[in-house]
Structure formats: structure tokens, C-alpha cells
PDB file of N, CA and C in Angstrom:
ATOM      1  N   MET A   1     128.451  99.904 108.019  1.00  0.00           N
ATOM      2  CA  MET A   1     127.053  99.588 108.286  1.00  0.00           C
ATOM      3  C   MET A   1     126.780  99.781 109.780  1.00  0.00           C
ATOM      4  N   LEU A   2     125.629 100.334 110.091  1.00  0.00           N
ATOM      5  CA  LEU A   2     125.265 100.589 111.479  1.00  0.00           C
ATOM      6  C   LEU A   2     124.599  99.370 112.084  1.00  0.00           C
ATOM      7  N   ASP A   3     124.950  99.049 113.310  1.00  0.00           N
ATOM      8  CA  ASP A   3     124.255  97.974 114.000  1.00  0.00           C
ATOM      9  C   ASP A   3     123.138  98.566 114.855  1.00  0.00           C
ATOM     10  N   GLY A   4     122.323  97.708 115.440  1.00  0.00           N
ATOM     11  CA  GLY A   4     121.164  98.170 116.213  1.00  0.00           C
ATOM     12  C   GLY A   4     121.543  99.072 117.366  1.00  0.00           C
ATOM     13  N   ASP A   5     122.633  98.747 118.077  1.00  0.00           N
ATOM     14  CA  ASP A   5     123.043  99.571 119.211  1.00  0.00           C
ATOM     15  C   ASP A   5     123.478 100.952 118.762  1.00  0.00           C
ATOM     16  N   THR A   6     124.154 101.031 117.616  1.00  0.00           N
ATOM     17  CA  THR A   6     124.585 102.328 117.106  1.00  0.00           C
ATOM     18  C   THR A   6     123.381 103.170 116.742  1.00  0.00           C
ATOM     19  N   ILE A   7     122.407 102.568 116.080  1.00  0.00           N
ATOM     20  CA  ILE A   7     121.208 103.310 115.688  1.00  0.00           C
ATOM     21  C   ILE A   7     120.450 103.766 116.922  1.00  0.00           C
ATOM     22  N   LEU A   8     120.267 102.873 117.897  1.00  0.00           N
ATOM     23  CA  LEU A   8     119.525 103.239 119.095  1.00  0.00           C
ATOM     24  C   LEU A   8     120.269 104.264 119.939  1.00  0.00           C
ATOM     25  N   GLY A   9     121.584 104.323 119.829  1.00  0.00           N
ATOM     26  CA  GLY A   9     122.350 105.231 120.662  1.00  0.00           C
ATOM     27  C   GLY A   9     122.707 106.540 119.994  1.00  0.00           C
ATOM     28  N   GLN A  10     122.338 106.710 118.722  1.00  0.00           N
ATOM     29  CA  GLN A  10     122.724 107.933 118.050  1.00  0.00           C
ATOM     30  C   GLN A  10     121.982 109.128 118.639  1.00  0.00           C
ATOM     31  N   VAL A  11     122.563 110.289 118.520  1.00  0.00           N
ATOM     32  CA  VAL A  11     122.005 111.494 119.106  1.00  0.00           C
ATOM     33  C   VAL A  11     121.202 112.235 118.052  1.00  0.00           C
ATOM     34  N   LEU A  12     120.003 112.646 118.441  1.00  0.00           N
ATOM     35  CA  LEU A  12     119.132 113.414 117.558  1.00  0.00           C
ATOM     36  C   LEU A  12     118.811 114.747 118.211  1.00  0.00           C
ATOM     37  N   ASP A  13     118.606 115.761 117.406  1.00  0.00           N
ATOM     38  CA  ASP A  13     118.183 117.057 117.921  1.00  0.00           C
ATOM     39  C   ASP A  13     116.666 117.116 117.831  1.00  0.00           C
ATOM     40  N   ASN A  14     116.028 117.527 118.932  1.00  0.00           N
ATOM     41  CA  ASN A  14     114.585 117.674 118.881  1.00  0.00           C
ATOM     42  C   ASN A  14     114.226 119.133 118.611  1.00  0.00           C
ATOM     43  N   LYS A  15     112.939 119.445 118.591  1.00  0.00           N
ATOM     44  CA  LYS A  15     112.477 120.774 118.217  1.00  0.00           C
ATOM     45  C   LYS A  15     113.025 121.874 119.113  1.00  0.00           C
ATOM     46  N   GLU A  16     113.224 121.598 120.388  1.00  0.00           N
ATOM     47  CA  GLU A  16     113.675 122.622 121.312  1.00  0.00           C
ATOM     48  C   GLU A  16     115.185 122.794 121.286  1.00  0.00           C
ATOM     49  N   GLY A  17     115.883 122.004 120.477  1.00  0.00           N
ATOM     50  CA  GLY A  17     117.328 122.115 120.414  1.00  0.00           C
ATOM     51  C   GLY A  17     118.032 121.243 121.428  1.00  0.00           C
ATOM     52  N   ASP A  18     117.297 120.572 122.325  1.00  0.00           N
ATOM     53  CA  ASP A  18     117.907 119.654 123.273  1.00  0.00           C
ATOM     54  C   ASP A  18     118.303 118.390 122.515  1.00  0.00           C
ATOM     55  N   THR A  19     119.274 117.703 123.048  1.00  0.00           N
ATOM     56  CA  THR A  19     119.647 116.434 122.426  1.00  0.00           C
ATOM     57  C   THR A  19     119.186 115.297 123.316  1.00  0.00           C
ATOM     58  N   GLU A  20     118.787 114.238 122.695  1.00  0.00           N
ATOM     59  CA  GLU A  20     118.382 113.043 123.427  1.00  0.00           C
ATOM     60  C   GLU A  20     118.749 111.849 122.573  1.00  0.00           C
ATOM     61  N   THR A  21     119.019 110.743 123.198  1.00  0.00           N
ATOM     62  CA  THR A  21     119.309 109.538 122.441  1.00  0.00           C
ATOM     63  C   THR A  21     118.033 108.727 122.332  1.00  0.00           C
ATOM     64  N   ILE A  22     118.016 107.886 121.337  1.00  0.00           N
ATOM     65  CA  ILE A  22     116.855 107.021 121.154  1.00  0.00           C
ATOM     66  C   ILE A  22     116.676 106.135 122.375  1.00  0.00           C
ATOM     67  N   ALA A  23     117.792 105.729 122.974  1.00  0.00           N
ATOM     68  CA  ALA A  23     117.725 104.858 124.143  1.00  0.00           C
ATOM     69  C   ALA A  23     117.028 105.538 125.316  1.00  0.00           C
ATOM     70  N   GLU A  24     117.033 106.880 125.368  1.00  0.00           N
ATOM     71  CA  GLU A  24     116.393 107.599 126.466  1.00  0.00           C
ATOM     72  C   GLU A  24     114.887 107.746 126.268  1.00  0.00           C
ATOM     73  N   ASP A  25     114.395 107.541 125.068  1.00  0.00           N
ATOM     74  CA  ASP A  25     112.971 107.699 124.777  1.00  0.00           C
ATOM     75  C   ASP A  25     112.379 106.331 124.445  1.00  0.00           C
ATOM     76  N   PRO A  26     111.680 105.715 125.402  1.00  0.00           N
ATOM     77  CA  PRO A  26     111.149 104.368 125.148  1.00  0.00           C
ATOM     78  C   PRO A  26     110.153 104.327 123.996  1.00  0.00           C
ATOM     79  N   MET A  27     109.466 105.429 123.719  1.00  0.00           N
ATOM     80  CA  MET A  27     108.518 105.437 122.607  1.00  0.00           C
ATOM     81  C   MET A  27     109.243 105.296 121.269  1.00  0.00           C
ATOM     82  N   LYS A  28     110.459 105.829 121.160  1.00  0.00           N
ATOM     83  CA  LYS A  28     111.212 105.677 119.926  1.00  0.00           C
ATOM     84  C   LYS A  28     111.606 104.218 119.714  1.00  0.00           C
ATOM     85  N   LYS A  29     111.894 103.515 120.789  1.00  0.00           N
ATOM     86  CA  LYS A  29     112.189 102.082 120.667  1.00  0.00           C
ATOM     87  C   LYS A  29     110.969 101.340 120.141  1.00  0.00           C
ATOM     88  N   ILE A  30     109.809 101.687 120.666  1.00  0.00           N
ATOM     89  CA  ILE A  30     108.565 101.052 120.200  1.00  0.00           C
ATOM     90  C   ILE A  30     108.318 101.397 118.743  1.00  0.00           C
ATOM     91  N   ASP A  31     108.601 102.643 118.343  1.00  0.00           N
ATOM     92  CA  ASP A  31     108.455 103.044 116.940  1.00  0.00           C
ATOM     93  C   ASP A  31     109.314 102.166 116.038  1.00  0.00           C
ATOM     94  N   ILE A  32     110.560 101.912 116.450  1.00  0.00           N
ATOM     95  CA  ILE A  32     111.478 101.100 115.644  1.00  0.00           C
ATOM     96  C   ILE A  32     110.994  99.660 115.564  1.00  0.00           C
ATOM     97  N   ILE A  33     110.566  99.117 116.692  1.00  0.00           N
ATOM     98  CA  ILE A  33     110.064  97.730 116.706  1.00  0.00           C
ATOM     99  C   ILE A  33     108.842  97.607 115.795  1.00  0.00           C
ATOM    100  N   ALA A  34     107.929  98.575 115.885  1.00  0.00           N
ATOM    101  CA  ALA A  34     106.730  98.547 115.042  1.00  0.00           C
ATOM    102  C   ALA A  34     107.112  98.644 113.567  1.00  0.00           C
ATOM    103  N   ALA A  35     108.068  99.500 113.235  1.00  0.00           N
ATOM    104  CA  ALA A  35     108.489  99.643 111.839  1.00  0.00           C
ATOM    105  C   ALA A  35     109.119  98.343 111.327  1.00  0.00           C
ATOM    106  N   VAL A  36     109.942  97.700 112.137  1.00  0.00           N
ATOM    107  CA  VAL A  36     110.560  96.432 111.725  1.00  0.00           C
ATOM    108  C   VAL A  36     109.491  95.366 111.509  1.00  0.00           C
ATOM    109  N   LEU A  37     108.524  95.295 112.420  1.00  0.00           N
ATOM    110  CA  LEU A  37     107.444  94.315 112.259  1.00  0.00           C
ATOM    111  C   LEU A  37     106.635  94.580 110.989  1.00  0.00           C
ATOM    112  N   LEU A  38     106.408  95.842 110.669  1.00  0.00           N
ATOM    113  CA  LEU A  38     105.663  96.159 109.449  1.00  0.00           C
ATOM    114  C   LEU A  38     106.462  95.800 108.201  1.00  0.00           C
ATOM    115  N   VAL A  39     107.773  95.960 108.242  1.00  0.00           N
ATOM    116  CA  VAL A  39     108.610  95.545 107.111  1.00  0.00           C
ATOM    117  C   VAL A  39     108.547  94.029 106.957  1.00  0.00           C
ATOM    118  N   VAL A  40     108.660  93.302 108.063  1.00  0.00           N
ATOM    119  CA  VAL A  40     108.563  91.835 108.016  1.00  0.00           C
ATOM    120  C   VAL A  40     107.215  91.420 107.432  1.00  0.00           C
ATOM    121  N   GLY A  41     106.146  92.024 107.932  1.00  0.00           N
ATOM    122  CA  GLY A  41     104.817  91.690 107.429  1.00  0.00           C
ATOM    123  C   GLY A  41     104.640  92.053 105.967  1.00  0.00           C
ATOM    124  N   GLY A  42     105.158  93.213 105.587  1.00  0.00           N
ATOM    125  CA  GLY A  42     105.043  93.638 104.190  1.00  0.00           C
ATOM    126  C   GLY A  42     105.802  92.722 103.247  1.00  0.00           C
ATOM    127  N   LEU A  43     107.014  92.351 103.640  1.00  0.00           N
ATOM    128  CA  LEU A  43     107.790  91.431 102.806  1.00  0.00           C
ATOM    129  C   LEU A  43     107.115  90.069 102.724  1.00  0.00           C
ATOM    130  N   ASN A  44     106.587  89.593 103.848  1.00  0.00           N
ATOM    131  CA  ASN A  44     105.904  88.296 103.843  1.00  0.00           C
ATOM    132  C   ASN A  44     104.679  88.333 102.929  1.00  0.00           C
ATOM    133  N   TRP A  45     103.867  89.383 103.048  1.00  0.00           N
ATOM    134  CA  TRP A  45     102.680  89.471 102.193  1.00  0.00           C
ATOM    135  C   TRP A  45     103.051  89.671 100.727  1.00  0.00           C
ATOM    136  N   GLY A  46     104.160  90.364 100.469  1.00  0.00           N
ATOM    137  CA  GLY A  46     104.632  90.479  99.093  1.00  0.00           C
ATOM    138  C   GLY A  46     105.003  89.130  98.515  1.00  0.00           C
ATOM    139  N   LEU A  47     105.695  88.318  99.318  1.00  0.00           N
ATOM    140  CA  LEU A  47     106.037  86.969  98.876  1.00  0.00           C
ATOM    141  C   LEU A  47     104.786  86.123  98.653  1.00  0.00           C
ATOM    142  N   VAL A  48     103.819  86.252  99.553  1.00  0.00           N
ATOM    143  CA  VAL A  48     102.572  85.486  99.403  1.00  0.00           C
ATOM    144  C   VAL A  48     101.863  85.894  98.116  1.00  0.00           C
ATOM    145  N   GLY A  49     101.804  87.195  97.861  1.00  0.00           N
ATOM    146  CA  GLY A  49     101.098  87.677  96.675  1.00  0.00           C
ATOM    147  C   GLY A  49     101.783  87.331  95.369  1.00  0.00           C
ATOM    148  N   ILE A  50     103.105  87.379  95.358  1.00  0.00           N
ATOM    149  CA  ILE A  50     103.847  87.152  94.114  1.00  0.00           C
ATOM    150  C   ILE A  50     104.113  85.676  93.877  1.00  0.00           C
ATOM    151  N   THR A  51     104.520  84.957  94.918  1.00  0.00           N
ATOM    152  CA  THR A  51     104.969  83.573  94.730  1.00  0.00           C
ATOM    153  C   THR A  51     104.154  82.542  95.494  1.00  0.00           C
ATOM    154  N   GLU A  52     103.133  82.989  96.245  1.00  0.00           N
ATOM    155  CA  GLU A  52     102.337  82.106  97.098  1.00  0.00           C
ATOM    156  C   GLU A  52     103.219  81.388  98.121  1.00  0.00           C
ATOM    157  N   TYR A  53     104.286  82.047  98.575  1.00  0.00           N
ATOM    158  CA  TYR A  53     105.224  81.491  99.543  1.00  0.00           C
ATOM    159  C   TYR A  53     105.115  82.271 100.846  1.00  0.00           C
ATOM    160  N   ASP A  54     104.705  81.596 101.905  1.00  0.00           N
ATOM    161  CA  ASP A  54     104.554  82.219 103.225  1.00  0.00           C
ATOM    162  C   ASP A  54     105.820  81.952 104.031  1.00  0.00           C
ATOM    163  N   LEU A  55     106.710  82.950 104.090  1.00  0.00           N
ATOM    164  CA  LEU A  55     107.988  82.784 104.774  1.00  0.00           C
ATOM    165  C   LEU A  55     107.795  82.547 106.273  1.00  0.00           C
ATOM    166  N   VAL A  56     106.899  83.293 106.908  1.00  0.00           N
ATOM    167  CA  VAL A  56     106.655  83.110 108.342  1.00  0.00           C
ATOM    168  C   VAL A  56     106.133  81.697 108.605  1.00  0.00           C
ATOM    169  N   GLY A  57     105.205  81.250 107.787  1.00  0.00           N
ATOM    170  CA  GLY A  57     104.676  79.900 107.927  1.00  0.00           C
ATOM    171  C   GLY A  57     105.730  78.841 107.700  1.00  0.00           C
ATOM    172  N   THR A  58     106.640  79.093 106.767  1.00  0.00           N
ATOM    173  CA  THR A  58     107.718  78.146 106.500  1.00  0.00           C
ATOM    174  C   THR A  58     108.692  78.084 107.671  1.00  0.00           C
ATOM    175  N   LEU A  59     109.018  79.236 108.246  1.00  0.00           N
ATOM    176  CA  LEU A  59     109.979  79.277 109.351  1.00  0.00           C
ATOM    177  C   LEU A  59     109.421  78.678 110.640  1.00  0.00           C
ATOM    178  N   PHE A  60     108.156  78.975 110.929  1.00  0.00           N
ATOM    179  CA  PHE A  60     107.600  78.602 112.229  1.00  0.00           C
ATOM    180  C   PHE A  60     106.493  77.562 112.153  1.00  0.00           C
ATOM    181  N   GLY A  61     106.133  77.122 110.963  1.00  0.00           N
ATOM    182  CA  GLY A  61     105.047  76.153 110.792  1.00  0.00           C
ATOM    183  C   GLY A  61     103.770  76.884 110.424  1.00  0.00           C
ATOM    184  N   PRO A  62     103.046  76.328 109.442  1.00  0.00           N
ATOM    185  CA  PRO A  62     101.815  77.000 109.003  1.00  0.00           C
ATOM    186  C   PRO A  62     100.798  77.092 110.148  1.00  0.00           C
ATOM    187  N   MET A  63     100.460  78.301 110.490  1.00  0.00           N
ATOM    188  CA  MET A  63      99.499  78.641 111.545  1.00  0.00           C
ATOM    189  C   MET A  63      99.845  77.981 112.881  1.00  0.00           C
ATOM    190  N   SER A  64     101.144  77.795 113.125  1.00  0.00           N
ATOM    191  CA  SER A  64     101.579  77.311 114.440  1.00  0.00           C
ATOM    192  C   SER A  64     101.404  78.443 115.452  1.00  0.00           C
ATOM    193  N   GLY A  65     101.589  78.121 116.706  1.00  0.00           N
ATOM    194  CA  GLY A  65     101.456  79.147 117.741  1.00  0.00           C
ATOM    195  C   GLY A  65     102.412  80.308 117.515  1.00  0.00           C
ATOM    196  N   LEU A  66     103.653  79.999 117.148  1.00  0.00           N
ATOM    197  CA  LEU A  66     104.643  81.051 116.926  1.00  0.00           C
ATOM    198  C   LEU A  66     104.308  81.888 115.687  1.00  0.00           C
ATOM    199  N   SER A  67     103.841  81.233 114.622  1.00  0.00           N
ATOM    200  CA  SER A  67     103.421  81.975 113.426  1.00  0.00           C
ATOM    201  C   SER A  67     102.286  82.930 113.755  1.00  0.00           C
ATOM    202  N   ARG A  68     101.338  82.441 114.530  1.00  0.00           N
ATOM    203  CA  ARG A  68     100.192  83.289 114.898  1.00  0.00           C
ATOM    204  C   ARG A  68     100.641  84.473 115.744  1.00  0.00           C
ATOM    205  N   ILE A  69     101.620  84.260 116.619  1.00  0.00           N
ATOM    206  CA  ILE A  69     102.147  85.363 117.428  1.00  0.00           C
ATOM    207  C   ILE A  69     102.777  86.416 116.514  1.00  0.00           C
ATOM    208  N   VAL A  70     103.564  85.964 115.521  1.00  0.00           N
ATOM    209  CA  VAL A  70     104.182  86.913 114.581  1.00  0.00           C
ATOM    210  C   VAL A  70     103.103  87.682 113.841  1.00  0.00           C
ATOM    211  N   TYR A  71     102.079  86.995 113.353  1.00  0.00           N
ATOM    212  CA  TYR A  71     100.999  87.665 112.622  1.00  0.00           C
ATOM    213  C   TYR A  71     100.279  88.685 113.507  1.00  0.00           C
ATOM    214  N   VAL A  72     100.017  88.321 114.751  1.00  0.00           N
ATOM    215  CA  VAL A  72      99.347  89.235 115.678  1.00  0.00           C
ATOM    216  C   VAL A  72     100.232  90.440 115.966  1.00  0.00           C
ATOM    217  N   LEU A  73     101.530  90.226 116.173  1.00  0.00           N
ATOM    218  CA  LEU A  73     102.442  91.346 116.429  1.00  0.00           C
ATOM    219  C   LEU A  73     102.517  92.293 115.235  1.00  0.00           C
ATOM    220  N   VAL A  74     102.534  91.740 114.023  1.00  0.00           N
ATOM    221  CA  VAL A  74     102.528  92.586 112.819  1.00  0.00           C
ATOM    222  C   VAL A  74     101.233  93.392 112.755  1.00  0.00           C
ATOM    223  N   GLY A  75     100.107  92.753 113.058  1.00  0.00           N
ATOM    224  CA  GLY A  75      98.832  93.464 113.064  1.00  0.00           C
ATOM    225  C   GLY A  75      98.789  94.562 114.105  1.00  0.00           C
ATOM    226  N   LEU A  76      99.282  94.269 115.306  1.00  0.00           N
ATOM    227  CA  LEU A  76      99.321  95.289 116.359  1.00  0.00           C
ATOM    228  C   LEU A  76     100.249  96.442 115.980  1.00  0.00           C
ATOM    229  N   ALA A  77     101.363  96.118 115.309  1.00  0.00           N
ATOM    230  CA  ALA A  77     102.273  97.172 114.847  1.00  0.00           C
ATOM    231  C   ALA A  77     101.571  98.084 113.846  1.00  0.00           C
ATOM    232  N   GLY A  78     100.763  97.503 112.980  1.00  0.00           N
ATOM    233  CA  GLY A  78     100.006  98.312 112.021  1.00  0.00           C
ATOM    234  C   GLY A  78      98.997  99.214 112.706  1.00  0.00           C
ATOM    235  N   VAL A  79      98.302  98.686 113.706  1.00  0.00           N
ATOM    236  CA  VAL A  79      97.340  99.492 114.469  1.00  0.00           C
ATOM    237  C   VAL A  79      98.074 100.617 115.201  1.00  0.00           C
ATOM    238  N   TYR A  80      99.200 100.291 115.828  1.00  0.00           N
ATOM    239  CA  TYR A  80      99.995 101.297 116.540  1.00  0.00           C
ATOM    240  C   TYR A  80     100.429 102.409 115.597  1.00  0.00           C
ATOM    241  N   GLN A  81     100.965 102.040 114.428  1.00  0.00           N
ATOM    242  CA  GLN A  81     101.414 103.048 113.470  1.00  0.00           C
ATOM    243  C   GLN A  81     100.249 103.905 112.986  1.00  0.00           C
ATOM    244  N   ALA A  82      99.104 103.292 112.754  1.00  0.00           N
ATOM    245  CA  ALA A  82      97.945 104.046 112.276  1.00  0.00           C
ATOM    246  C   ALA A  82      97.447 105.041 113.320  1.00  0.00           C
ATOM    247  N   ILE A  83      97.429 104.626 114.570  1.00  0.00           N
ATOM    248  CA  ILE A  83      96.929 105.497 115.642  1.00  0.00           C
ATOM    249  C   ILE A  83      97.951 106.558 116.024  1.00  0.00           C
ATOM    250  N   GLN A  84      99.227 106.205 116.022  1.00  0.00           N
ATOM    251  CA  GLN A  84     100.286 107.081 116.523  1.00  0.00           C
ATOM    252  C   GLN A  84     101.045 107.849 115.449  1.00  0.00           C
ATOM    253  N   TRP A  85     100.579 107.894 114.224  1.00  0.00           N
ATOM    254  CA  TRP A  85     101.396 108.453 113.152  1.00  0.00           C
ATOM    255  C   TRP A  85     101.798 109.900 113.399  1.00  0.00           C
ATOM    256  N   ARG A  86     100.928 110.707 113.955  1.00  0.00           N
ATOM    257  CA  ARG A  86     101.301 112.106 114.238  1.00  0.00           C
ATOM    258  C   ARG A  86     102.317 112.180 115.370  1.00  0.00           C
ATOM    259  N   GLY A  87     102.146 111.397 116.404  1.00  0.00           N
ATOM    260  CA  GLY A  87     103.100 111.360 117.506  1.00  0.00           C
ATOM    261  C   GLY A  87     104.466 110.879 117.049  1.00  0.00           C
ATOM    262  N   ILE A  88     104.471 109.894 116.152  1.00  0.00           N
ATOM    263  CA  ILE A  88     105.732 109.389 115.614  1.00  0.00           C
ATOM    264  C   ILE A  88     106.441 110.492 114.838  1.00  0.00           C
ATOM    265  N   GLN A  89     105.692 111.240 114.039  1.00  0.00           N
ATOM    266  CA  GLN A  89     106.289 112.347 113.301  1.00  0.00           C
ATOM    267  C   GLN A  89     106.908 113.369 114.247  1.00  0.00           C
ATOM    268  N   ARG A  90     106.204 113.704 115.317  1.00  0.00           N
ATOM    269  CA  ARG A  90     106.732 114.682 116.285  1.00  0.00           C
ATOM    270  C   ARG A  90     107.972 114.150 116.997  1.00  0.00           C
ATOM    271  N   ARG A  91     107.950 112.887 117.382  1.00  0.00           N
ATOM    272  CA  ARG A  91     109.102 112.315 118.094  1.00  0.00           C
ATOM    273  C   ARG A  91     110.349 112.286 117.240  1.00  0.00           C
ATOM    274  N   TRP A  92     110.198 112.058 115.954  1.00  0.00           N
ATOM    275  CA  TRP A  92     111.356 111.890 115.082  1.00  0.00           C
ATOM    276  C   TRP A  92     111.720 113.152 114.313  1.00  0.00           C
ATOM    277  N   ALA A  93     110.935 114.209 114.438  1.00  0.00           N
ATOM    278  CA  ALA A  93     111.230 115.453 113.721  1.00  0.00           C
ATOM    279  C   ALA A  93     112.491 116.088 114.280  1.00  0.00           C
ATOM    280  N   THR A  94     113.385 116.483 113.402  1.00  0.00           N
ATOM    281  CA  THR A  94     114.591 117.166 113.841  1.00  0.00           C
ATOM    282  C   THR A  94     114.481 118.664 113.635  1.00  0.00           C
ATOM    283  N   VAL A  95     113.474 119.085 112.883  1.00  0.00           N
ATOM    284  CA  VAL A  95     113.190 120.505 112.702  1.00  0.00           C
ATOM    285  C   VAL A  95     111.704 120.682 112.999  1.00  0.00           C
ATOM    286  N   PRO A  96     111.296 121.870 113.441  1.00  0.00           N
ATOM    287  CA  PRO A  96     109.877 122.075 113.711  1.00  0.00           C
ATOM    288  C   PRO A  96     109.050 121.808 112.472  1.00  0.00           C
ATOM    289  N   MET A  97     107.934 121.105 112.675  1.00  0.00           N
ATOM    290  CA  MET A  97     107.048 120.799 111.568  1.00  0.00           C
ATOM    291  C   MET A  97     106.074 121.931 111.345  1.00  0.00           C
ATOM    292  N   ARG A  98     105.778 122.210 110.088  1.00  0.00           N
ATOM    293  CA  ARG A  98     104.783 123.217 109.757  1.00  0.00           C
ATOM    294  C   ARG A  98     103.433 122.549 109.602  1.00  0.00           C
ATOM    295  N   THR A  99     102.417 123.232 110.014  1.00  0.00           N
ATOM    296  CA  THR A  99     101.076 122.698 109.817  1.00  0.00           C
ATOM    297  C   THR A  99     100.469 123.368 108.593  1.00  0.00           C
ATOM    298  N   ALA A 100      99.663 122.625 107.875  1.00  0.00           N
ATOM    299  CA  ALA A 100      99.023 123.156 106.685  1.00  0.00           C
ATOM    300  C   ALA A 100      97.934 124.136 107.075  1.00  0.00           C
ATOM    301  N   ARG A 101      97.831 125.160 106.281  1.00  0.00           N
ATOM    302  CA  ARG A 101      96.759 126.143 106.505  1.00  0.00           C
ATOM    303  C   ARG A 101      95.575 125.765 105.642  1.00  0.00           C
ATOM    304  N   VAL A 102      94.406 125.871 106.223  1.00  0.00           N
ATOM    305  CA  VAL A 102      93.201 125.496 105.483  1.00  0.00           C
ATOM    306  C   VAL A 102      92.522 126.729 104.979  1.00  0.00           C
TER     307      VAL A 102
END
């Protein structure tokens, strides 16, 4: 199993054939943090929808300051992913991407 340091330090090939590590590209770190926050938020909302159980609220207190911070961070991660989705695709592409012809 890979740990966080191994994942962040792995070498990827970019479109130009140069190699760079995730640790060298701060935007890739932000991409990973945003993805983790979206998974946390998605799992929490899944639990709320299926079982009416709010895991974040249980861990940090219902609508406590810390719970609200987690909710805000998940929301900001969603906004970031929505705005940056094309940039994220370019940063993580290991082969040149083709554009659709209209």
C-alpha cells in the first residue's frame, strides 16, 4: 500500500516528456487535497442521505466551529474542482490530450 509521501513523491511524465514529481508542483498538492476533501464530503453526505448520520457532526460536534470549517473546506474544494477541472486534467495528463472536433 502506498503512503502519502510515496504518492506525492512519485514521478510522472508530462506532455513534453519531462519528468516532475508531485512535490515539485504545488498545484498538484492542492488537487490532491481538494479531491480528499470531496471524498470526505461525499461520504458524509452519503451517510446523511442513507442513515441520517452526520459523521463530521459526530466527530466535531453538530455545527461546531470545527464542523463548520470542514463543511466550508469541502465546499471550497468543490468550487475549486469545478473551476479548475480543465487545468487539473492538463496537470495530471501523462499523454497529450486530444480535443474534440466540432
